[in-house]
Amino acid sequence: MRTVSGVVAVLLLVGCGGPQRRCDRTTCASGCCSSDGQCQPGSMSSACGTSGNVCSVCSLDATCFAGACTTFGGSGGGSSSSGGGAAMGGGAAVGGGAAGGTAGGASAGGASGGGAAGGSIGGGAAGGASRVGCAGMQYSEPLPTTSSLGGLVYTPAMAQQYLLSALQLRYPHGEAVVRGGLANPISPQQPNCVTAFLGDTSSGPAVLRQASTVVHECGHFWDLGTSRGASSAYVIAPNLQRTCANGDTTTRGGRTFARSLIKGDAWYAMRPACMNMSSSTCDFYADVYLDGSPTNGTFESGDQGFNSLLEEANQYVNSLASALAFRDAFSGGSRVSERDGILTFMWYLERYLAMARLQYPTAYATLTQDACWREAILSVWDRGWFYLQATNAYASTLGINDARLRTLVETPSLLAEIDSVRGLHCP
């Protein structure tokens, strides 16, 4: 599931004078309508829905996914809220620098890299790039191309095929992710991941501007549809997939804790949830992903465990890669928050690991003693920095508050959490 800079604009309208618009399919196309006629994002279990329909309240064993209350087999199914709420469609708000810049060096650390494994940013000759999760800043994959799309013909009726063809030309992994999402077992239960999240089909460029949303959400469909029982599947990169066990919360059959609990750490005050306010210093992702409390008797997005946190981070990398592929579709000085999204979740990953280490030893052992989780964490992390660095020149278009977020992510004590995982994995 994704949030966009557009959320800020929506929040600015709240409380303004003038007539109130009726909540319906036209005014709330990607969300749902509450009992008092307000358009809701549609991504929460307490208000789940899409296409301007009346919001539903999901049962305790279900979660809101792609605007529908859905139960995934067992406890492991990845990010149960990840699809929810097409209304929240965009990126994040980060852009920051050179995605780690050159901090760190290639061997055994560097000022920001640090750590026995070459550092969380610096990359790691210490562990050898040949082992999955040990590449650090040496991580590489084929970048999206700038291939001409001039040979593609666009009609609204062919919007899905147009997007797939454009992805094939510029970001083949994105095409594979979308096709994987379309083919997975979740699709028959609700609208497919393209239909559900591709809103504006008025033109080819309009479709391309939504590619980051569609690839992100189809990635959730693919991962969740592949997950089984207490195991969570991650399609991380071309030729890199991992399925790791016991990543959900203890109350849902796993060995980790609710992601919303990281709001109780010392870092939360640095960027608290926006709570219906608009500010560059608050975290509107927290309103969606870290909401609620695991003890209030209501299942909410924030009640999910580490498996869902990593799933979101994985898809925010795909969001940024997709935006890079179609950066020429953005014009007129518009800005999106694709860089912010992955930086926010990298910050969450660091904070979660720190809390696990200090307060939840069973969760920490699960994530750090299992090679599958170490490989998944480090691969998503390294791939995130790879695309942040690749988009550094386009930060003015693909980021909003990314510089501020990067500063938080690069706090030495937080980077040390990733370094510790890398040190265990890449001795």
Protein backbone atom coordinates (compact mmCIF):
# COMPACT_ATOMS: atom_id res chain seq x y z
CA MET A 1 0.00 0.00 0.00
CA ARG A 2 1.25 3.46 -0.76
CA THR A 3 0.80 7.05 0.23
CA VAL A 4 1.31 10.12 -1.89
CA SER A 5 2.23 13.70 -1.67
CA GLY A 6 -1.35 14.24 -2.75
CA VAL A 7 -2.37 13.36 0.79
CA VAL A 8 -0.90 16.67 1.87
CA ALA A 9 -3.13 18.54 -0.54
CA VAL A 10 -6.19 16.66 0.72
CA LEU A 11 -5.35 17.52 4.29
CA LEU A 12 -5.03 21.18 3.42
CA LEU A 13 -8.61 21.20 2.20
CA VAL A 14 -10.01 19.92 5.46
CA GLY A 15 -11.69 22.71 7.37
CA CYS A 16 -11.80 25.12 4.45
CA GLY A 17 -14.99 27.01 3.83
CA GLY A 18 -17.37 26.41 0.99
CA PRO A 19 -19.93 23.73 0.17
CA GLN A 20 -19.15 20.13 1.09
CA ARG A 21 -19.05 17.64 -1.77
CA ARG A 22 -21.13 14.50 -1.59
CA CYS A 23 -19.14 11.34 -1.07
CA ASP A 24 -19.69 9.00 -3.98
CA ARG A 25 -17.88 7.14 -6.76
CA THR A 26 -16.98 10.44 -8.44
CA THR A 27 -15.63 12.31 -5.42
CA CYS A 28 -14.12 9.29 -3.64
CA ALA A 29 -13.13 6.97 -6.47
CA SER A 30 -10.18 5.38 -4.72
CA GLY A 31 -11.58 5.33 -1.18
CA CYS A 32 -14.81 4.57 0.65
CA CYS A 33 -17.59 6.65 2.21
CA SER A 34 -18.10 6.63 5.97
CA SER A 35 -21.53 6.72 7.63
CA ASP A 36 -21.27 10.49 8.02
CA GLY A 37 -20.57 10.96 4.31
CA GLN A 38 -16.82 11.55 4.52
CA CYS A 39 -14.38 10.08 2.02
CA GLN A 40 -11.94 7.76 3.78
CA PRO A 41 -8.69 6.33 2.35
CA GLY A 42 -10.26 2.87 2.43
CA SER A 43 -7.10 1.21 3.67
CA MET A 44 -7.96 0.60 7.32
CA SER A 45 -9.71 -2.44 8.74
CA SER A 46 -12.11 -0.07 10.50
CA ALA A 47 -12.97 1.68 7.22
CA CYS A 48 -12.23 -0.54 4.26
CA GLY A 49 -13.43 -0.01 0.72
CA THR A 50 -12.94 1.58 -2.67
CA SER A 51 -14.83 3.10 -5.61
CA GLY A 52 -16.90 5.35 -3.35
CA ASN A 53 -18.75 2.43 -1.77
CA VAL A 54 -19.80 2.42 1.88
CA CYS A 55 -16.84 1.60 4.15
CA SER A 56 -16.78 -1.86 5.71
CA VAL A 57 -15.44 -2.90 9.11
CA CYS A 58 -13.28 -6.01 8.77
CA SER A 59 -13.55 -8.90 11.22
CA LEU A 60 -10.68 -9.55 13.63
CA ASP A 61 -9.25 -12.32 11.44
CA ALA A 62 -9.31 -10.22 8.27
CA THR A 63 -7.51 -7.17 7.03
CA CYS A 64 -8.11 -4.49 4.45
CA PHE A 65 -6.36 -5.36 1.20
CA ALA A 66 -7.00 -3.49 -2.06
CA GLY A 67 -10.18 -2.03 -0.63
CA ALA A 68 -11.64 -5.38 0.48
CA CYS A 69 -11.68 -7.23 3.80
CA THR A 70 -9.52 -10.26 3.09
CA THR A 71 -8.29 -13.23 5.09
CA PHE A 72 -4.98 -14.72 4.00
CA GLY A 73 -4.18 -18.28 4.95
CA GLY A 74 -2.36 -18.68 8.22
CA SER A 75 -0.36 -15.97 9.90
CA GLY A 76 2.41 -15.35 7.50
CA GLY A 77 0.80 -13.60 4.63
CA GLY A 78 3.12 -10.69 4.37
CA SER A 79 1.56 -7.25 4.49
CA SER A 80 -2.12 -7.61 5.05
CA SER A 81 -2.81 -3.92 4.73
CA SER A 82 -0.37 -3.43 1.96
CA GLY A 83 -2.90 -3.27 -0.79
CA GLY A 84 -5.46 -1.23 1.02
CA GLY A 85 -6.59 2.11 -0.14
CA ALA A 86 -5.86 3.10 -3.65
CA ALA A 87 -6.65 6.59 -2.44
CA MET A 88 -3.24 6.68 -0.89
CA GLY A 89 -1.48 5.99 -4.15
CA GLY A 90 1.95 7.74 -4.48
CA GLY A 91 5.34 7.61 -3.03
CA ALA A 92 6.92 9.00 0.02
CA ALA A 93 8.59 12.24 0.78
CA VAL A 94 12.25 11.77 0.75
CA GLY A 95 14.85 12.27 -1.91
CA GLY A 96 17.97 12.90 -0.16
CA GLY A 97 21.39 13.21 -1.50
CA ALA A 98 23.12 10.42 -3.21
CA ALA A 99 21.35 7.66 -1.44
CA GLY A 100 24.15 7.05 0.86
CA GLY A 101 26.49 9.07 -1.29
CA THR A 102 29.96 7.74 -1.26
CA ALA A 103 29.91 7.47 2.50
CA GLY A 104 31.46 4.35 3.67
CA GLY A 105 33.99 3.11 1.23
CA ALA A 106 34.12 -0.36 -0.14
CA SER A 107 35.85 -2.20 2.59
CA ALA A 108 35.21 -2.52 6.29
CA GLY A 109 33.32 0.64 6.89
CA GLY A 110 33.83 4.30 6.41
CA ALA A 111 32.36 7.16 8.38
CA SER A 112 28.78 6.36 7.51
CA GLY A 113 29.24 2.81 6.41
CA GLY A 114 30.80 1.47 9.53
CA GLY A 115 30.56 -2.06 10.73
CA ALA A 116 32.38 -5.25 10.22
CA ALA A 117 30.55 -5.98 7.02
CA GLY A 118 31.53 -2.86 5.18
CA GLY A 119 28.82 -0.71 6.67
CA SER A 120 25.14 -0.34 5.98
CA ILE A 121 25.84 2.34 3.43
CA GLY A 122 29.46 1.77 2.62
CA GLY A 123 28.96 -1.68 1.22
CA GLY A 124 30.96 -4.66 1.91
CA ALA A 125 34.01 -6.15 0.49
CA ALA A 126 34.33 -7.53 4.02
CA GLY A 127 31.59 -10.04 3.43
CA GLY A 128 32.14 -10.53 -0.22
CA ALA A 129 29.53 -9.38 -2.71
CA SER A 130 29.04 -12.95 -3.91
CA ARG A 131 26.83 -13.86 -0.94
CA VAL A 132 23.25 -12.60 -1.07
CA GLY A 133 22.92 -9.63 1.27
CA CYS A 134 26.62 -8.78 1.37
CA ALA A 135 26.90 -6.41 -1.61
CA GLY A 136 26.28 -3.12 0.19
CA MET A 137 27.08 -0.24 -2.14
CA GLN A 138 28.37 -2.79 -4.62
CA TYR A 139 24.82 -3.97 -5.18
CA SER A 140 23.80 -3.60 -8.80
CA GLU A 141 21.04 -4.56 -11.17
CA PRO A 142 20.08 -3.26 -14.64
CA LEU A 143 18.68 0.24 -14.27
CA PRO A 144 15.51 1.30 -16.08
CA THR A 145 16.21 2.46 -19.62
CA THR A 146 15.13 5.54 -21.55
CA SER A 147 13.88 3.54 -24.52
CA SER A 148 11.50 5.40 -26.80
CA LEU A 149 7.81 4.71 -26.29
CA GLY A 150 6.99 6.28 -29.64
CA GLY A 151 6.04 2.96 -31.16
CA LEU A 152 3.28 2.35 -28.59
CA VAL A 153 -0.26 3.34 -29.45
CA TYR A 154 -2.47 4.39 -26.55
CA THR A 155 -6.21 4.06 -26.09
CA PRO A 156 -8.00 4.04 -22.73
CA ALA A 157 -9.41 0.61 -23.49
CA MET A 158 -5.86 -0.73 -23.80
CA ALA A 159 -4.43 1.03 -20.74
CA GLN A 160 -3.26 -2.18 -19.05
CA GLN A 161 -1.49 -3.50 -22.12
CA TYR A 162 0.04 -0.08 -22.78
CA LEU A 163 1.50 -0.02 -19.27
CA LEU A 164 2.85 -3.55 -19.59
CA SER A 165 4.46 -2.74 -22.94
CA ALA A 166 6.01 0.44 -21.57
CA LEU A 167 7.38 -1.44 -18.57
CA GLN A 168 8.80 -4.11 -20.85
CA LEU A 169 10.71 -1.44 -22.72
CA ARG A 170 11.97 0.52 -19.73
CA TYR A 171 11.71 -1.55 -16.54
CA PRO A 172 11.34 -5.26 -17.30
CA HIS A 173 11.36 -6.26 -13.64
CA GLY A 174 8.37 -3.96 -13.15
CA GLU A 175 6.56 -5.76 -15.96
CA ALA A 176 7.33 -9.09 -14.29
CA VAL A 177 5.99 -7.78 -10.98
CA VAL A 178 2.73 -6.60 -12.57
CA ARG A 179 2.26 -9.89 -14.43
CA GLY A 180 3.03 -11.77 -11.23
CA GLY A 181 0.39 -9.76 -9.40
CA LEU A 182 -2.16 -10.35 -12.14
CA ALA A 183 -1.56 -14.10 -12.08
CA ASN A 184 -1.48 -14.74 -8.33
CA PRO A 185 -4.26 -16.54 -6.38
CA ILE A 186 -5.56 -13.34 -4.74
CA SER A 187 -6.71 -11.80 -8.02
CA PRO A 188 -9.94 -13.84 -8.40
CA GLN A 189 -11.09 -12.59 -4.96
CA GLN A 190 -11.19 -8.90 -5.98
CA PRO A 191 -10.39 -6.54 -8.87
CA ASN A 192 -6.97 -7.25 -10.33
CA CYS A 193 -4.07 -5.11 -9.23
CA VAL A 194 -4.10 -2.96 -12.36
CA THR A 195 -7.85 -2.37 -12.42
CA ALA A 196 -7.88 -1.59 -8.71
CA PHE A 197 -5.08 0.97 -8.75
CA LEU A 198 -4.95 2.49 -12.22
CA GLY A 199 -7.29 5.44 -11.89
CA ASP A 200 -6.66 8.03 -14.61
CA THR A 201 -6.62 6.43 -18.06
CA SER A 202 -7.17 9.64 -20.00
CA SER A 203 -3.77 9.52 -21.68
CA GLY A 204 -0.56 7.53 -21.97
CA PRO A 205 1.44 9.93 -19.78
CA ALA A 206 -1.29 9.79 -17.13
CA VAL A 207 -0.96 6.01 -17.03
CA LEU A 208 2.83 6.19 -16.82
CA ARG A 209 2.63 8.61 -13.89
CA GLN A 210 0.73 5.89 -12.03
CA ALA A 211 3.20 3.12 -12.87
CA SER A 212 4.87 3.40 -9.46
CA THR A 213 1.52 2.83 -7.74
CA VAL A 214 0.52 -0.10 -9.95
CA VAL A 215 3.89 -1.87 -9.72
CA HIS A 216 3.93 -1.34 -5.95
CA GLU A 217 0.45 -2.77 -5.44
CA CYS A 218 0.88 -5.62 -7.91
CA GLY A 219 4.05 -6.46 -6.02
CA HIS A 220 1.94 -6.90 -2.89
CA PHE A 221 -0.47 -9.14 -4.79
CA TRP A 222 2.40 -11.27 -6.04
CA ASP A 223 4.17 -11.60 -2.69
CA LEU A 224 0.99 -12.19 -0.71
CA GLY A 225 -0.36 -14.62 -3.25
CA THR A 226 2.86 -16.62 -3.06
CA SER A 227 3.04 -16.62 0.75
CA ARG A 228 1.82 -19.72 2.54
CA GLY A 229 0.93 -20.34 6.17
CA ALA A 230 3.46 -18.79 8.52
CA SER A 231 5.88 -17.98 5.70
CA SER A 232 6.16 -14.67 3.86
CA ALA A 233 7.37 -14.50 0.28
CA TYR A 234 9.38 -11.61 -1.16
CA VAL A 235 10.17 -11.10 -4.83
CA ILE A 236 13.00 -8.66 -4.17
CA ALA A 237 14.75 -8.27 -7.50
CA PRO A 238 15.24 -10.08 -10.79
CA ASN A 239 16.31 -13.61 -9.89
CA LEU A 240 16.11 -12.92 -6.16
CA GLN A 241 13.21 -14.32 -4.14
CA ARG A 242 13.08 -15.37 -0.52
CA THR A 243 10.38 -17.02 1.61
CA CYS A 244 10.97 -16.57 5.34
CA ALA A 245 9.07 -18.04 8.30
CA ASN A 246 7.51 -16.69 11.49
CA GLY A 247 7.70 -13.01 10.58
CA ASP A 248 4.21 -12.05 11.76
CA THR A 249 3.31 -11.06 15.32
CA THR A 250 3.06 -13.57 18.15
CA THR A 251 -0.70 -12.99 18.33
CA ARG A 252 -0.96 -13.98 14.65
CA GLY A 253 1.20 -17.09 14.89
CA GLY A 254 4.62 -15.55 14.29
CA ARG A 255 7.52 -14.45 16.48
CA THR A 256 7.68 -10.68 16.03
CA PHE A 257 5.74 -7.71 17.41
CA ALA A 258 3.34 -5.13 16.01
CA ARG A 259 5.05 -2.52 13.86
CA SER A 260 3.00 0.26 15.49
CA LEU A 261 4.98 -0.24 18.70
CA ILE A 262 7.94 1.62 17.26
CA LYS A 263 5.93 4.77 17.94
CA GLY A 264 7.01 4.23 21.52
CA ASP A 265 10.71 4.70 20.79
CA ALA A 266 12.76 7.86 21.24
CA TRP A 267 12.86 8.46 17.48
CA TYR A 268 9.13 8.90 17.05
CA ALA A 269 9.27 12.46 18.42
CA MET A 270 11.67 13.40 15.63
CA ARG A 271 8.92 12.84 13.06
CA PRO A 272 5.56 12.03 14.68
CA ALA A 273 2.41 11.02 12.85
CA CYS A 274 0.69 13.95 11.16
CA MET A 275 -2.71 13.16 12.73
CA ASN A 276 -4.66 15.07 10.06
CA MET A 277 -2.22 17.95 10.01
CA SER A 278 -0.03 19.05 7.14
CA SER A 279 3.63 19.68 7.87
CA SER A 280 6.98 18.80 6.38
CA THR A 281 8.12 17.78 9.87
CA CYS A 282 5.49 15.10 10.49
CA ASP A 283 5.19 11.56 9.15
CA PHE A 284 1.98 10.95 7.22
CA TYR A 285 3.10 7.38 6.53
CA ALA A 286 2.77 6.71 10.25
CA ASP A 287 -0.91 7.62 10.08
CA VAL A 288 -1.43 4.73 7.68
CA TYR A 289 1.19 2.13 8.55
CA LEU A 290 1.72 2.62 12.29
CA ASP A 291 -1.86 3.34 13.33
CA GLY A 292 -3.69 1.87 16.29
CA SER A 293 -2.49 -0.26 19.15
CA PRO A 294 -2.12 -4.06 19.36
CA THR A 295 -4.00 -4.03 22.69
CA ASN A 296 -7.14 -2.09 21.73
CA GLY A 297 -9.08 -5.12 20.50
CA THR A 298 -9.38 -3.81 16.93
CA PHE A 299 -7.18 -5.07 14.12
CA GLU A 300 -5.49 -2.14 12.40
CA SER A 301 -2.70 -1.70 9.92
CA GLY A 302 -0.13 -1.09 12.64
CA ASP A 303 -0.94 -4.43 14.28
CA GLN A 304 1.01 -6.31 11.61
CA GLY A 305 4.46 -7.67 12.27
CA PHE A 306 7.91 -7.36 10.77
CA ASN A 307 6.97 -9.36 7.70
CA SER A 308 4.61 -6.61 6.56
CA LEU A 309 7.12 -3.87 7.36
CA LEU A 310 9.71 -5.48 5.11
CA GLU A 311 7.06 -6.12 2.45
CA GLU A 312 6.25 -2.41 2.29
CA ALA A 313 9.93 -1.50 2.09
CA ASN A 314 10.35 -3.98 -0.75
CA GLN A 315 7.54 -2.43 -2.75
CA TYR A 316 8.63 1.16 -2.09
CA VAL A 317 11.90 0.28 -3.84
CA ASN A 318 9.83 -0.87 -6.82
CA SER A 319 7.89 2.40 -6.65
CA LEU A 320 11.07 4.43 -6.93
CA ALA A 321 12.45 2.29 -9.74
CA SER A 322 9.19 2.69 -11.68
CA ALA A 323 9.19 6.45 -11.20
CA LEU A 324 12.77 6.57 -12.47
CA ALA A 325 11.71 4.63 -15.56
CA PHE A 326 8.99 7.15 -16.42
CA ARG A 327 10.42 10.34 -14.98
CA ASP A 328 9.81 12.04 -18.34
CA ALA A 329 6.06 11.70 -17.74
CA PHE A 330 6.27 14.22 -14.92
CA SER A 331 6.28 17.81 -16.09
CA GLY A 332 5.41 21.33 -15.08
CA GLY A 333 7.46 21.32 -11.90
CA SER A 334 5.35 18.61 -10.26
CA ARG A 335 6.95 16.60 -7.48
CA VAL A 336 6.19 13.16 -6.14
CA SER A 337 7.40 11.51 -2.97
CA GLU A 338 8.82 8.25 -4.26
CA ARG A 339 12.19 8.78 -2.60
CA ASP A 340 10.51 9.68 0.67
CA GLY A 341 8.64 6.38 0.76
CA ILE A 342 11.65 4.09 0.74
CA LEU A 343 13.61 6.34 3.11
CA THR A 344 10.70 6.30 5.57
CA PHE A 345 10.63 2.52 5.56
CA MET A 346 14.38 2.24 5.86
CA TRP A 347 14.03 4.39 8.98
CA TYR A 348 11.27 2.11 10.24
CA LEU A 349 13.42 -0.97 9.63
CA GLU A 350 16.28 0.48 11.65
CA ARG A 351 13.98 1.45 14.50
CA TYR A 352 12.22 -1.91 14.52
CA LEU A 353 15.52 -3.78 14.73
CA ALA A 354 16.68 -1.52 17.56
CA MET A 355 13.48 -2.12 19.54
CA ALA A 356 13.66 -5.84 18.86
CA ARG A 357 17.24 -6.01 20.09
CA LEU A 358 16.49 -4.07 23.26
CA GLN A 359 13.00 -5.25 24.20
CA TYR A 360 11.97 -8.32 22.17
CA PRO A 361 14.80 -10.87 22.17
CA THR A 362 12.73 -13.63 20.56
CA ALA A 363 11.83 -11.37 17.65
CA TYR A 364 15.42 -10.22 17.30
CA ALA A 365 16.71 -13.79 17.29
CA THR A 366 14.13 -14.73 14.67
CA LEU A 367 15.26 -11.95 12.35
CA THR A 368 19.00 -12.13 12.89
CA GLN A 369 19.68 -15.84 13.39
CA ASP A 370 17.76 -16.95 10.29
CA ALA A 371 19.78 -16.48 7.10
CA CYS A 372 16.58 -16.03 5.11
CA TRP A 373 15.56 -12.93 7.06
CA ARG A 374 19.10 -11.55 7.03
CA GLU A 375 19.30 -11.94 3.26
CA ALA A 376 15.87 -10.38 2.76
CA ILE A 377 16.58 -7.41 5.06
CA LEU A 378 20.00 -6.66 3.61
CA SER A 379 18.91 -7.14 -0.01
CA VAL A 380 15.96 -4.76 0.33
CA TRP A 381 18.20 -2.29 2.15
CA ASP A 382 20.97 -2.40 -0.46
CA ARG A 383 18.54 -2.22 -3.34
CA GLY A 384 16.91 0.80 -1.72
CA TRP A 385 20.23 2.66 -1.55
CA PHE A 386 20.99 1.61 -5.11
CA TYR A 387 17.86 3.31 -6.44
CA LEU A 388 18.21 6.30 -4.16
CA GLN A 389 21.66 6.87 -5.60
CA ALA A 390 20.38 6.33 -9.14
CA THR A 391 17.68 8.96 -8.64
CA ASN A 392 19.81 11.54 -6.89
CA ALA A 393 19.90 13.73 -9.99
CA TYR A 394 16.09 13.71 -10.09
CA ALA A 395 15.45 14.45 -6.42
CA SER A 396 13.70 17.71 -7.28
CA THR A 397 11.04 15.68 -9.10
CA LEU A 398 10.99 12.34 -7.29
CA GLY A 399 11.39 13.58 -3.71
CA ILE A 400 9.84 16.11 -1.34
CA ASN A 401 11.23 15.78 2.20
CA ASP A 402 13.86 13.22 1.29
CA ALA A 403 16.86 15.21 2.54
CA ARG A 404 15.33 15.46 6.00
CA LEU A 405 14.53 11.75 6.01
CA ARG A 406 17.96 10.75 4.81
CA THR A 407 19.48 12.57 7.77
CA LEU A 408 17.37 10.44 10.10
CA VAL A 409 18.22 7.20 8.30
CA GLU A 410 21.94 7.99 8.42
CA THR A 411 22.03 8.51 12.17
CA PRO A 412 25.06 6.40 13.22
CA SER A 413 23.29 4.58 16.04
CA LEU A 414 20.53 3.51 13.65
CA LEU A 415 22.88 2.52 10.85
CA ALA A 416 24.58 0.33 13.44
CA GLU A 417 21.45 -1.85 13.52
CA ILE A 418 21.88 -2.73 9.85
CA ASP A 419 25.60 -3.10 10.33
CA SER A 420 24.95 -5.63 13.09
CA VAL A 421 22.79 -7.74 10.80
CA ARG A 422 25.41 -7.50 8.07
CA GLY A 423 28.14 -8.41 10.53
CA LEU A 424 26.28 -11.59 11.43
CA HIS A 425 25.64 -12.46 7.82
CA CYS A 426 28.90 -11.39 6.19
CA PRO A 427 31.66 -12.29 8.69
